[in-house]
């Protein structure tokens, strides 16, 4: 693999990394519906996401449920 291809491959962030960065920028302790939709779209397990965001597993499960319900009613970005 060429050096430039390695740089391009390193730029691709995992969904969990993007979610953690967005969570760090949250100003409210209550996340938006859009954030919950993003949590629902992360393929990692609840335990891994909770550990990365430093919240309880039950909170992640609640956010994912809100996100799944919202995706059925509204279009999340």
C-alpha atoms as a PDB file:
ATOM      1  CA  UNK A   1       0.000   0.000   0.000  1.00  0.00           C
ATOM      2  CA  UNK A   2       1.402   3.377  -0.972  1.00  0.00           C
ATOM      3  CA  UNK A   3       2.019   6.094   1.577  1.00  0.00           C
ATOM      4  CA  UNK A   4      -0.827   8.264   0.235  1.00  0.00           C
ATOM      5  CA  UNK A   5      -3.264   5.362   0.436  1.00  0.00           C
ATOM      6  CA  UNK A   6      -2.281   4.803   4.059  1.00  0.00           C
ATOM      7  CA  UNK A   7      -2.992   8.473   4.823  1.00  0.00           C
ATOM      8  CA  UNK A   8      -6.413   8.249   3.149  1.00  0.00           C
ATOM      9  CA  UNK A   9      -7.228   5.067   5.059  1.00  0.00           C
ATOM     10  CA  UNK A  10      -6.291   6.727   8.349  1.00  0.00           C
ATOM     11  CA  UNK A  11      -8.658   9.647   7.668  1.00  0.00           C
ATOM     12  CA  UNK A  12     -11.751   7.467   7.690  1.00  0.00           C
ATOM     13  CA  UNK A  13     -13.176   7.704  11.175  1.00  0.00           C
ATOM     14  CA  UNK A  14     -15.216   4.934  12.698  1.00  0.00           C
ATOM     15  CA  UNK A  15     -18.864   5.761  13.529  1.00  0.00           C
ATOM     16  CA  UNK A  16     -18.093   5.337  17.225  1.00  0.00           C
ATOM     17  CA  UNK A  17     -15.234   7.848  17.015  1.00  0.00           C
ATOM     18  CA  UNK A  18     -17.505  10.386  15.316  1.00  0.00           C
ATOM     19  CA  UNK A  19     -20.203   9.779  17.919  1.00  0.00           C
ATOM     20  CA  UNK A  20     -17.736  10.247  20.788  1.00  0.00           C
ATOM     21  CA  UNK A  21     -16.563  13.551  19.308  1.00  0.00           C
ATOM     22  CA  UNK A  22     -20.140  14.750  18.948  1.00  0.00           C
ATOM     23  CA  UNK A  23     -20.972  13.644  22.500  1.00  0.00           C
ATOM     24  CA  UNK A  24     -18.034  15.661  23.810  1.00  0.00           C
ATOM     25  CA  UNK A  25     -19.448  18.761  22.085  1.00  0.00           C
ATOM     26  CA  UNK A  26     -22.938  18.388  23.588  1.00  0.00           C
ATOM     27  CA  UNK A  27     -23.851  21.346  25.768  1.00  0.00           C
ATOM     28  CA  UNK A  28     -27.060  19.835  27.131  1.00  0.00           C
ATOM     29  CA  UNK A  29     -27.211  16.659  29.225  1.00  0.00           C
ATOM     30  CA  UNK A  30     -30.279  15.662  27.174  1.00  0.00           C
ATOM     31  CA  UNK A  31     -29.272  14.647  23.622  1.00  0.00           C
ATOM     32  CA  UNK A  32     -31.231  15.614  20.531  1.00  0.00           C
ATOM     33  CA  UNK A  33     -33.322  13.214  18.474  1.00  0.00           C
ATOM     34  CA  UNK A  34     -30.675  13.427  15.750  1.00  0.00           C
ATOM     35  CA  UNK A  35     -27.984  12.333  18.213  1.00  0.00           C
ATOM     36  CA  UNK A  36     -30.151   9.401  19.327  1.00  0.00           C
ATOM     37  CA  UNK A  37     -30.556   8.382  15.669  1.00  0.00           C
ATOM     38  CA  UNK A  38     -26.778   8.413  15.321  1.00  0.00           C
ATOM     39  CA  UNK A  39     -26.406   6.260  18.451  1.00  0.00           C
ATOM     40  CA  UNK A  40     -28.907   3.805  16.977  1.00  0.00           C
ATOM     41  CA  UNK A  41     -26.818   3.613  13.802  1.00  0.00           C
ATOM     42  CA  UNK A  42     -23.528   2.705  15.500  1.00  0.00           C
ATOM     43  CA  UNK A  43     -22.860  -1.007  14.919  1.00  0.00           C
ATOM     44  CA  UNK A  44     -20.817  -1.526  18.126  1.00  0.00           C
ATOM     45  CA  UNK A  45     -22.403  -3.177  21.170  1.00  0.00           C
ATOM     46  CA  UNK A  46     -24.144  -1.173  23.887  1.00  0.00           C
ATOM     47  CA  UNK A  47     -21.350  -1.917  26.336  1.00  0.00           C
ATOM     48  CA  UNK A  48     -18.616  -0.645  24.022  1.00  0.00           C
ATOM     49  CA  UNK A  49     -20.532   2.547  23.196  1.00  0.00           C
ATOM     50  CA  UNK A  50     -21.306   3.176  26.876  1.00  0.00           C
ATOM     51  CA  UNK A  51     -17.669   2.719  27.852  1.00  0.00           C
ATOM     52  CA  UNK A  52     -16.516   5.082  25.111  1.00  0.00           C
ATOM     53  CA  UNK A  53     -19.062   7.806  26.001  1.00  0.00           C
ATOM     54  CA  UNK A  54     -18.616   7.290  29.761  1.00  0.00           C
ATOM     55  CA  UNK A  55     -22.316   6.698  30.416  1.00  0.00           C
ATOM     56  CA  UNK A  56     -24.356   3.764  31.715  1.00  0.00           C
ATOM     57  CA  UNK A  57     -25.365   0.951  29.372  1.00  0.00           C
ATOM     58  CA  UNK A  58     -29.026   1.618  30.189  1.00  0.00           C
ATOM     59  CA  UNK A  59     -28.650   5.185  28.896  1.00  0.00           C
ATOM     60  CA  UNK A  60     -27.259   3.916  25.583  1.00  0.00           C
ATOM     61  CA  UNK A  61     -30.129   1.444  25.283  1.00  0.00           C
ATOM     62  CA  UNK A  62     -32.615   4.248  25.930  1.00  0.00           C
ATOM     63  CA  UNK A  63     -30.972   6.523  23.355  1.00  0.00           C
ATOM     64  CA  UNK A  64     -30.977   3.707  20.792  1.00  0.00           C
ATOM     65  CA  UNK A  65     -34.658   3.026  21.404  1.00  0.00           C
ATOM     66  CA  UNK A  66     -35.471   6.715  20.932  1.00  0.00           C
ATOM     67  CA  UNK A  67     -33.378   6.757  17.762  1.00  0.00           C
ATOM     68  CA  UNK A  68     -35.045   3.651  16.315  1.00  0.00           C
ATOM     69  CA  UNK A  69     -38.521   5.031  17.024  1.00  0.00           C
ATOM     70  CA  UNK A  70     -37.612   8.399  15.533  1.00  0.00           C
ATOM     71  CA  UNK A  71     -36.250   6.791  12.368  1.00  0.00           C
ATOM     72  CA  UNK A  72     -39.620   5.134  11.879  1.00  0.00           C
ATOM     73  CA  UNK A  73     -41.507   8.427  12.160  1.00  0.00           C
ATOM     74  CA  UNK A  74     -39.122  11.110  10.930  1.00  0.00           C
ATOM     75  CA  UNK A  75     -36.162  11.154   8.629  1.00  0.00           C
ATOM     76  CA  UNK A  76     -32.946  11.448  10.616  1.00  0.00           C
ATOM     77  CA  UNK A  77     -29.875  12.819   8.916  1.00  0.00           C
END
